[in-house]
Amino acid sequence: MDQHLGTVLAIPVEIQVVLGSATMPVAQLMKLNRGAVIPLNHRIGELVDITVNGRVVARGEIVVVDDDSSRFGVSLTEIVSPAGGAGSV
């Protein structure tokens, strides 16, 4: 049984941290230049969604990794249950 579990645990999955989203007409999108800022629907301090293969599985807070201010990570604060509820980590 451990051999089969090892096979499943080796399957790669795509993990995404969703910082926010925005909606705009194509005409406005076409006018964007380098350095343009697109406001997102999340604010600083709000939880971000963590998705695995397109499904939200958790939420967390953005954190700086180690002492390198150019690297970021996510500190999990809640796990989303399959039924849609959430539980604290």
PDB file of N, CA and C in Angstrom:
ATOM      1  N   MET A   1       0.825  -1.186   0.000  1.00  0.00           N
ATOM      2  CA  MET A   1       0.000   0.000   0.000  1.00  0.00           C
ATOM      3  C   MET A   1       0.876   1.260   0.000  1.00  0.00           C
ATOM      4  N   ASP A   2       2.030   1.248   0.687  1.00  0.00           N
ATOM      5  CA  ASP A   2       2.918   2.398   0.723  1.00  0.00           C
ATOM      6  C   ASP A   2       3.422   2.756  -0.671  1.00  0.00           C
ATOM      7  N   GLN A   3       3.630   1.744  -1.512  1.00  0.00           N
ATOM      8  CA  GLN A   3       4.092   1.987  -2.874  1.00  0.00           C
ATOM      9  C   GLN A   3       3.036   2.784  -3.647  1.00  0.00           C
ATOM     10  N   HIS A   4       1.773   2.442  -3.492  1.00  0.00           N
ATOM     11  CA  HIS A   4       0.700   3.147  -4.189  1.00  0.00           C
ATOM     12  C   HIS A   4       0.555   4.573  -3.648  1.00  0.00           C
ATOM     13  N   LEU A   5       0.696   4.742  -2.355  1.00  0.00           N
ATOM     14  CA  LEU A   5       0.611   6.066  -1.756  1.00  0.00           C
ATOM     15  C   LEU A   5       1.757   6.930  -2.266  1.00  0.00           C
ATOM     16  N   GLY A   6       2.940   6.372  -2.380  1.00  0.00           N
ATOM     17  CA  GLY A   6       4.086   7.102  -2.902  1.00  0.00           C
ATOM     18  C   GLY A   6       3.840   7.578  -4.325  1.00  0.00           C
ATOM     19  N   THR A   7       3.173   6.767  -5.133  1.00  0.00           N
ATOM     20  CA  THR A   7       2.852   7.140  -6.508  1.00  0.00           C
ATOM     21  C   THR A   7       1.898   8.331  -6.523  1.00  0.00           C
ATOM     22  N   VAL A   8       0.890   8.296  -5.674  1.00  0.00           N
ATOM     23  CA  VAL A   8      -0.079   9.399  -5.603  1.00  0.00           C
ATOM     24  C   VAL A   8       0.590  10.666  -5.086  1.00  0.00           C
ATOM     25  N   LEU A   9       1.430  10.538  -4.064  1.00  0.00           N
ATOM     26  CA  LEU A   9       2.090  11.706  -3.488  1.00  0.00           C
ATOM     27  C   LEU A   9       3.084  12.359  -4.440  1.00  0.00           C
ATOM     28  N   ALA A  10       3.510  11.649  -5.473  1.00  0.00           N
ATOM     29  CA  ALA A  10       4.462  12.186  -6.447  1.00  0.00           C
ATOM     30  C   ALA A  10       3.779  12.925  -7.604  1.00  0.00           C
ATOM     31  N   ILE A  11       2.446  12.920  -7.647  1.00  0.00           N
ATOM     32  CA  ILE A  11       1.725  13.589  -8.734  1.00  0.00           C
ATOM     33  C   ILE A  11       1.854  15.103  -8.564  1.00  0.00           C
ATOM     34  N   PRO A  12       2.347  15.811  -9.587  1.00  0.00           N
ATOM     35  CA  PRO A  12       2.474  17.269  -9.472  1.00  0.00           C
ATOM     36  C   PRO A  12       1.102  17.948  -9.556  1.00  0.00           C
ATOM     37  N   VAL A  13       0.932  18.999  -8.776  1.00  0.00           N
ATOM     38  CA  VAL A  13      -0.289  19.799  -8.813  1.00  0.00           C
ATOM     39  C   VAL A  13       0.109  21.265  -8.983  1.00  0.00           C
ATOM     40  N   GLU A  14      -0.767  22.048  -9.559  1.00  0.00           N
ATOM     41  CA  GLU A  14      -0.510  23.476  -9.750  1.00  0.00           C
ATOM     42  C   GLU A  14      -1.116  24.242  -8.587  1.00  0.00           C
ATOM     43  N   ILE A  15      -0.272  24.982  -7.868  1.00  0.00           N
ATOM     44  CA  ILE A  15      -0.718  25.786  -6.740  1.00  0.00           C
ATOM     45  C   ILE A  15      -0.628  27.251  -7.146  1.00  0.00           C
ATOM     46  N   GLN A  16      -1.698  27.996  -6.899  1.00  0.00           N
ATOM     47  CA  GLN A  16      -1.723  29.419  -7.194  1.00  0.00           C
ATOM     48  C   GLN A  16      -2.180  30.182  -5.968  1.00  0.00           C
ATOM     49  N   VAL A  17      -1.608  31.353  -5.763  1.00  0.00           N
ATOM     50  CA  VAL A  17      -2.059  32.272  -4.729  1.00  0.00           C
ATOM     51  C   VAL A  17      -2.711  33.432  -5.463  1.00  0.00           C
ATOM     52  N   VAL A  18      -3.990  33.635  -5.235  1.00  0.00           N
ATOM     53  CA  VAL A  18      -4.743  34.654  -5.956  1.00  0.00           C
ATOM     54  C   VAL A  18      -4.722  35.947  -5.148  1.00  0.00           C
ATOM     55  N   LEU A  19      -3.946  36.922  -5.629  1.00  0.00           N
ATOM     56  CA  LEU A  19      -3.812  38.197  -4.927  1.00  0.00           C
ATOM     57  C   LEU A  19      -5.013  39.104  -5.148  1.00  0.00           C
ATOM     58  N   GLY A  20      -5.733  38.894  -6.197  1.00  0.00           N
ATOM     59  CA  GLY A  20      -6.894  39.715  -6.499  1.00  0.00           C
ATOM     60  C   GLY A  20      -7.218  39.637  -7.973  1.00  0.00           C
ATOM     61  N   SER A  21      -8.265  40.345  -8.350  1.00  0.00           N
ATOM     62  CA  SER A  21      -8.642  40.358  -9.762  1.00  0.00           C
ATOM     63  C   SER A  21      -9.203  41.730 -10.115  1.00  0.00           C
ATOM     64  N   ALA A  22      -9.333  41.969 -11.396  1.00  0.00           N
ATOM     65  CA  ALA A  22      -9.887  43.224 -11.896  1.00  0.00           C
ATOM     66  C   ALA A  22     -10.631  42.930 -13.188  1.00  0.00           C
ATOM     67  N   THR A  23     -11.622  43.746 -13.475  1.00  0.00           N
ATOM     68  CA  THR A  23     -12.378  43.628 -14.716  1.00  0.00           C
ATOM     69  C   THR A  23     -12.279  44.954 -15.446  1.00  0.00           C
ATOM     70  N   MET A  24     -11.980  44.881 -16.746  1.00  0.00           N
ATOM     71  CA  MET A  24     -11.904  46.106 -17.548  1.00  0.00           C
ATOM     72  C   MET A  24     -12.220  45.763 -18.992  1.00  0.00           C
ATOM     73  N   PRO A  25     -12.719  46.729 -19.722  1.00  0.00           N
ATOM     74  CA  PRO A  25     -12.995  46.493 -21.144  1.00  0.00           C
ATOM     75  C   PRO A  25     -11.691  46.283 -21.920  1.00  0.00           C
ATOM     76  N   VAL A  26     -11.773  45.578 -23.015  1.00  0.00           N
ATOM     77  CA  VAL A  26     -10.605  45.313 -23.851  1.00  0.00           C
ATOM     78  C   VAL A  26      -9.968  46.623 -24.297  1.00  0.00           C
ATOM     79  N   ALA A  27     -10.767  47.636 -24.614  1.00  0.00           N
ATOM     80  CA  ALA A  27     -10.222  48.925 -25.061  1.00  0.00           C
ATOM     81  C   ALA A  27      -9.312  49.527 -23.996  1.00  0.00           C
ATOM     82  N   GLN A  28      -9.709  49.436 -22.724  1.00  0.00           N
ATOM     83  CA  GLN A  28      -8.879  49.966 -21.637  1.00  0.00           C
ATOM     84  C   GLN A  28      -7.612  49.125 -21.486  1.00  0.00           C
ATOM     85  N   LEU A  29      -7.744  47.810 -21.614  1.00  0.00           N
ATOM     86  CA  LEU A  29      -6.600  46.913 -21.537  1.00  0.00           C
ATOM     87  C   LEU A  29      -5.577  47.239 -22.618  1.00  0.00           C
ATOM     88  N   MET A  30      -6.041  47.539 -23.815  1.00  0.00           N
ATOM     89  CA  MET A  30      -5.148  47.842 -24.935  1.00  0.00           C
ATOM     90  C   MET A  30      -4.392  49.154 -24.738  1.00  0.00           C
ATOM     91  N   LYS A  31      -4.888  50.036 -23.876  1.00  0.00           N
ATOM     92  CA  LYS A  31      -4.235  51.327 -23.635  1.00  0.00           C
ATOM     93  C   LYS A  31      -3.164  51.255 -22.545  1.00  0.00           C
ATOM     94  N   LEU A  32      -3.033  50.110 -21.882  1.00  0.00           N
ATOM     95  CA  LEU A  32      -2.060  49.992 -20.802  1.00  0.00           C
ATOM     96  C   LEU A  32      -0.637  50.033 -21.351  1.00  0.00           C
ATOM     97  N   ASN A  33       0.226  50.718 -20.642  1.00  0.00           N
ATOM     98  CA  ASN A  33       1.641  50.795 -21.006  1.00  0.00           C
ATOM     99  C   ASN A  33       2.474  50.202 -19.883  1.00  0.00           C
ATOM    100  N   ARG A  34       3.755  50.036 -20.147  1.00  0.00           N
ATOM    101  CA  ARG A  34       4.679  49.549 -19.118  1.00  0.00           C
ATOM    102  C   ARG A  34       4.580  50.474 -17.900  1.00  0.00           C
ATOM    103  N   GLY A  35       4.493  49.880 -16.729  1.00  0.00           N
ATOM    104  CA  GLY A  35       4.408  50.654 -15.488  1.00  0.00           C
ATOM    105  C   GLY A  35       2.991  50.988 -15.071  1.00  0.00           C
ATOM    106  N   ALA A  36       2.009  50.638 -15.902  1.00  0.00           N
ATOM    107  CA  ALA A  36       0.617  50.913 -15.551  1.00  0.00           C
ATOM    108  C   ALA A  36       0.245  50.106 -14.308  1.00  0.00           C
ATOM    109  N   VAL A  37      -0.604  50.666 -13.484  1.00  0.00           N
ATOM    110  CA  VAL A  37      -1.072  49.988 -12.269  1.00  0.00           C
ATOM    111  C   VAL A  37      -2.531  49.602 -12.462  1.00  0.00           C
ATOM    112  N   ILE A  38      -2.823  48.325 -12.228  1.00  0.00           N
ATOM    113  CA  ILE A  38      -4.190  47.828 -12.316  1.00  0.00           C
ATOM    114  C   ILE A  38      -4.670  47.570 -10.892  1.00  0.00           C
ATOM    115  N   PRO A  39      -5.634  48.346 -10.393  1.00  0.00           N
ATOM    116  CA  PRO A  39      -6.141  48.123  -9.039  1.00  0.00           C
ATOM    117  C   PRO A  39      -6.855  46.772  -8.951  1.00  0.00           C
ATOM    118  N   LEU A  40      -6.552  46.037  -7.896  1.00  0.00           N
ATOM    119  CA  LEU A  40      -7.182  44.734  -7.678  1.00  0.00           C
ATOM    120  C   LEU A  40      -8.294  44.862  -6.639  1.00  0.00           C
ATOM    121  N   ASN A  41      -9.120  43.839  -6.545  1.00  0.00           N
ATOM    122  CA  ASN A  41     -10.261  43.892  -5.636  1.00  0.00           C
ATOM    123  C   ASN A  41      -9.912  43.516  -4.193  1.00  0.00           C
ATOM    124  N   HIS A  42      -8.677  43.138  -3.912  1.00  0.00           N
ATOM    125  CA  HIS A  42      -8.251  42.839  -2.541  1.00  0.00           C
ATOM    126  C   HIS A  42      -7.482  44.020  -1.970  1.00  0.00           C
ATOM    127  N   ARG A  43      -7.561  44.175  -0.670  1.00  0.00           N
ATOM    128  CA  ARG A  43      -6.820  45.231   0.015  1.00  0.00           C
ATOM    129  C   ARG A  43      -5.686  44.605   0.822  1.00  0.00           C
ATOM    130  N   ILE A  44      -4.693  45.408   1.175  1.00  0.00           N
ATOM    131  CA  ILE A  44      -3.591  44.938   2.013  1.00  0.00           C
ATOM    132  C   ILE A  44      -4.169  44.426   3.328  1.00  0.00           C
ATOM    133  N   GLY A  45      -3.704  43.271   3.756  1.00  0.00           N
ATOM    134  CA  GLY A  45      -4.167  42.679   5.002  1.00  0.00           C
ATOM    135  C   GLY A  45      -5.319  41.700   4.844  1.00  0.00           C
ATOM    136  N   GLU A  46      -5.986  41.710   3.694  1.00  0.00           N
ATOM    137  CA  GLU A  46      -7.055  40.743   3.452  1.00  0.00           C
ATOM    138  C   GLU A  46      -6.452  39.383   3.134  1.00  0.00           C
ATOM    139  N   LEU A  47      -7.196  38.337   3.460  1.00  0.00           N
ATOM    140  CA  LEU A  47      -6.740  36.992   3.143  1.00  0.00           C
ATOM    141  C   LEU A  47      -6.736  36.784   1.634  1.00  0.00           C
ATOM    142  N   VAL A  48      -5.780  35.984   1.160  1.00  0.00           N
ATOM    143  CA  VAL A  48      -5.711  35.625  -0.252  1.00  0.00           C
ATOM    144  C   VAL A  48      -6.112  34.159  -0.400  1.00  0.00           C
ATOM    145  N   ASP A  49      -6.666  33.812  -1.550  1.00  0.00           N
ATOM    146  CA  ASP A  49      -7.070  32.436  -1.825  1.00  0.00           C
ATOM    147  C   ASP A  49      -5.883  31.637  -2.330  1.00  0.00           C
ATOM    148  N   ILE A  50      -5.777  30.395  -1.865  1.00  0.00           N
ATOM    149  CA  ILE A  50      -4.778  29.450  -2.359  1.00  0.00           C
ATOM    150  C   ILE A  50      -5.554  28.378  -3.110  1.00  0.00           C
ATOM    151  N   THR A  51      -5.222  28.199  -4.395  1.00  0.00           N
ATOM    152  CA  THR A  51      -5.925  27.206  -5.190  1.00  0.00           C
ATOM    153  C   THR A  51      -4.976  26.081  -5.582  1.00  0.00           C
ATOM    154  N   VAL A  52      -5.524  24.897  -5.675  1.00  0.00           N
ATOM    155  CA  VAL A  52      -4.804  23.731  -6.175  1.00  0.00           C
ATOM    156  C   VAL A  52      -5.604  23.196  -7.347  1.00  0.00           C
ATOM    157  N   ASN A  53      -4.974  23.184  -8.505  1.00  0.00           N
ATOM    158  CA  ASN A  53      -5.626  22.748  -9.746  1.00  0.00           C
ATOM    159  C   ASN A  53      -6.965  23.459  -9.956  1.00  0.00           C
ATOM    160  N   GLY A  54      -6.999  24.761  -9.660  1.00  0.00           N
ATOM    161  CA  GLY A  54      -8.184  25.571  -9.927  1.00  0.00           C
ATOM    162  C   GLY A  54      -9.231  25.591  -8.832  1.00  0.00           C
ATOM    163  N   ARG A  55      -9.043  24.848  -7.758  1.00  0.00           N
ATOM    164  CA  ARG A  55     -10.030  24.794  -6.678  1.00  0.00           C
ATOM    165  C   ARG A  55      -9.451  25.450  -5.428  1.00  0.00           C
ATOM    166  N   VAL A  56     -10.231  26.367  -4.810  1.00  0.00           N
ATOM    167  CA  VAL A  56      -9.774  27.018  -3.581  1.00  0.00           C
ATOM    168  C   VAL A  56      -9.725  25.979  -2.473  1.00  0.00           C
ATOM    169  N   VAL A  57      -8.535  25.817  -1.861  1.00  0.00           N
ATOM    170  CA  VAL A  57      -8.364  24.831  -0.795  1.00  0.00           C
ATOM    171  C   VAL A  57      -8.013  25.474   0.543  1.00  0.00           C
ATOM    172  N   ALA A  58      -7.550  26.744   0.499  1.00  0.00           N
ATOM    173  CA  ALA A  58      -7.146  27.405   1.734  1.00  0.00           C
ATOM    174  C   ALA A  58      -7.105  28.906   1.514  1.00  0.00           C
ATOM    175  N   ARG A  59      -6.925  29.624   2.622  1.00  0.00           N
ATOM    176  CA  ARG A  59      -6.710  31.070   2.579  1.00  0.00           C
ATOM    177  C   ARG A  59      -5.534  31.391   3.488  1.00  0.00           C
ATOM    178  N   GLY A  60      -4.864  32.489   3.197  1.00  0.00           N
ATOM    179  CA  GLY A  60      -3.717  32.848   4.016  1.00  0.00           C
ATOM    180  C   GLY A  60      -3.315  34.287   3.845  1.00  0.00           C
ATOM    181  N   GLU A  61      -2.263  34.657   4.570  1.00  0.00           N
ATOM    182  CA  GLU A  61      -1.728  36.012   4.535  1.00  0.00           C
ATOM    183  C   GLU A  61      -0.377  36.009   3.838  1.00  0.00           C
ATOM    184  N   ILE A  62      -0.119  37.029   3.042  1.00  0.00           N
ATOM    185  CA  ILE A  62       1.177  37.174   2.367  1.00  0.00           C
ATOM    186  C   ILE A  62       2.222  37.542   3.414  1.00  0.00           C
ATOM    187  N   VAL A  63       3.378  36.880   3.362  1.00  0.00           N
ATOM    188  CA  VAL A  63       4.472  37.149   4.295  1.00  0.00           C
ATOM    189  C   VAL A  63       5.777  37.253   3.515  1.00  0.00           C
ATOM    190  N   VAL A  64       6.753  37.947   4.097  1.00  0.00           N
ATOM    191  CA  VAL A  64       8.096  38.014   3.522  1.00  0.00           C
ATOM    192  C   VAL A  64       8.837  36.763   3.976  1.00  0.00           C
ATOM    193  N   VAL A  65       9.525  36.089   3.050  1.00  0.00           N
ATOM    194  CA  VAL A  65      10.252  34.865   3.348  1.00  0.00           C
ATOM    195  C   VAL A  65      11.649  35.224   3.856  1.00  0.00           C
ATOM    196  N   ASP A  66      11.995  34.701   5.031  1.00  0.00           N
ATOM    197  CA  ASP A  66      13.302  34.926   5.646  1.00  0.00           C
ATOM    198  C   ASP A  66      13.603  36.425   5.736  1.00  0.00           C
ATOM    199  N   ASP A  67      14.847  36.785   5.498  1.00  0.00           N
ATOM    200  CA  ASP A  67      15.252  38.182   5.562  1.00  0.00           C
ATOM    201  C   ASP A  67      15.392  38.793   4.178  1.00  0.00           C
ATOM    202  N   ASP A  68      14.921  38.103   3.156  1.00  0.00           N
ATOM    203  CA  ASP A  68      15.034  38.560   1.779  1.00  0.00           C
ATOM    204  C   ASP A  68      13.712  39.218   1.378  1.00  0.00           C
ATOM    205  N   SER A  69      13.667  40.541   1.387  1.00  0.00           N
ATOM    206  CA  SER A  69      12.409  41.243   1.122  1.00  0.00           C
ATOM    207  C   SER A  69      11.920  41.108  -0.322  1.00  0.00           C
ATOM    208  N   SER A  70      12.690  40.430  -1.170  1.00  0.00           N
ATOM    209  CA  SER A  70      12.243  40.232  -2.548  1.00  0.00           C
ATOM    210  C   SER A  70      11.507  38.901  -2.726  1.00  0.00           C
ATOM    211  N   ARG A  71      11.421  38.090  -1.669  1.00  0.00           N
ATOM    212  CA  ARG A  71      10.733  36.796  -1.747  1.00  0.00           C
ATOM    213  C   ARG A  71       9.530  36.805  -0.812  1.00  0.00           C
ATOM    214  N   PHE A  72       8.414  36.309  -1.332  1.00  0.00           N
ATOM    215  CA  PHE A  72       7.181  36.277  -0.556  1.00  0.00           C
ATOM    216  C   PHE A  72       6.663  34.851  -0.448  1.00  0.00           C
ATOM    217  N   GLY A  73       5.853  34.623   0.544  1.00  0.00           N
ATOM    218  CA  GLY A  73       5.210  33.335   0.737  1.00  0.00           C
ATOM    219  C   GLY A  73       3.815  33.573   1.294  1.00  0.00           C
ATOM    220  N   VAL A  74       3.150  32.492   1.678  1.00  0.00           N
ATOM    221  CA  VAL A  74       1.811  32.585   2.245  1.00  0.00           C
ATOM    222  C   VAL A  74       1.774  31.809   3.549  1.00  0.00           C
ATOM    223  N   SER A  75       1.256  32.437   4.585  1.00  0.00           N
ATOM    224  CA  SER A  75       1.034  31.777   5.871  1.00  0.00           C
ATOM    225  C   SER A  75      -0.428  31.344   5.907  1.00  0.00           C
ATOM    226  N   LEU A  76      -0.669  30.024   5.933  1.00  0.00           N
ATOM    227  CA  LEU A  76      -2.041  29.523   5.908  1.00  0.00           C
ATOM    228  C   LEU A  76      -2.768  29.892   7.195  1.00  0.00           C
ATOM    229  N   THR A  77      -3.980  30.389   7.042  1.00  0.00           N
ATOM    230  CA  THR A  77      -4.789  30.738   8.207  1.00  0.00           C
ATOM    231  C   THR A  77      -6.079  29.927   8.277  1.00  0.00           C
ATOM    232  N   GLU A  78      -6.545  29.443   7.142  1.00  0.00           N
ATOM    233  CA  GLU A  78      -7.720  28.576   7.150  1.00  0.00           C
ATOM    234  C   GLU A  78      -7.694  27.602   5.985  1.00  0.00           C
ATOM    235  N   ILE A  79      -8.210  26.418   6.232  1.00  0.00           N
ATOM    236  CA  ILE A  79      -8.342  25.382   5.222  1.00  0.00           C
ATOM    237  C   ILE A  79      -9.815  25.333   4.826  1.00  0.00           C
ATOM    238  N   VAL A  80     -10.092  25.327   3.527  1.00  0.00           N
ATOM    239  CA  VAL A  80     -11.460  25.277   3.044  1.00  0.00           C
ATOM    240  C   VAL A  80     -11.869  23.823   2.902  1.00  0.00           C
ATOM    241  N   SER A  81     -12.970  23.455   3.550  1.00  0.00           N
ATOM    242  CA  SER A  81     -13.436  22.069   3.468  1.00  0.00           C
ATOM    243  C   SER A  81     -14.091  21.832   2.103  1.00  0.00           C
ATOM    244  N   PRO A  82     -14.149  20.571   1.672  1.00  0.00           N
ATOM    245  CA  PRO A  82     -14.768  20.274   0.368  1.00  0.00           C
ATOM    246  C   PRO A  82     -16.207  20.753   0.273  1.00  0.00           C
ATOM    247  N   ALA A  83     -16.897  20.854   1.421  1.00  0.00           N
ATOM    248  CA  ALA A  83     -18.307  21.280   1.409  1.00  0.00           C
ATOM    249  C   ALA A  83     -18.424  22.797   1.278  1.00  0.00           C
ATOM    250  N   GLY A  84     -17.286  23.526   1.334  1.00  0.00           N
ATOM    251  CA  GLY A  84     -17.325  24.962   1.155  1.00  0.00           C
ATOM    252  C   GLY A  84     -17.125  25.756   2.426  1.00  0.00           C
ATOM    253  N   GLY A  85     -17.158  25.109   3.584  1.00  0.00           N
ATOM    254  CA  GLY A  85     -16.913  25.800   4.844  1.00  0.00           C
ATOM    255  C   GLY A  85     -15.426  25.978   5.038  1.00  0.00           C
ATOM    256  N   ALA A  86     -15.060  26.618   6.131  1.00  0.00           N
ATOM    257  CA  ALA A  86     -13.649  26.840   6.392  1.00  0.00           C
ATOM    258  C   ALA A  86     -13.342  26.497   7.846  1.00  0.00           C
ATOM    259  N   GLY A  87     -12.105  26.099   8.066  1.00  0.00           N
ATOM    260  CA  GLY A  87     -11.655  25.836   9.423  1.00  0.00           C
ATOM    261  C   GLY A  87     -10.310  26.480   9.639  1.00  0.00           C
ATOM    262  N   SER A  88     -10.055  26.940  10.847  1.00  0.00           N
ATOM    263  CA  SER A  88      -8.773  27.587  11.138  1.00  0.00           C
ATOM    264  C   SER A  88      -7.657  26.581  11.135  1.00  0.00           C
ATOM    265  N   VAL A  89      -6.460  27.070  10.781  1.00  0.00           N
ATOM    266  CA  VAL A  89      -5.253  26.214  10.796  1.00  0.00           C
ATOM    267  C   VAL A  89      -4.670  26.271  12.181  1.00  0.00           C
TER     268      VAL A  89
END
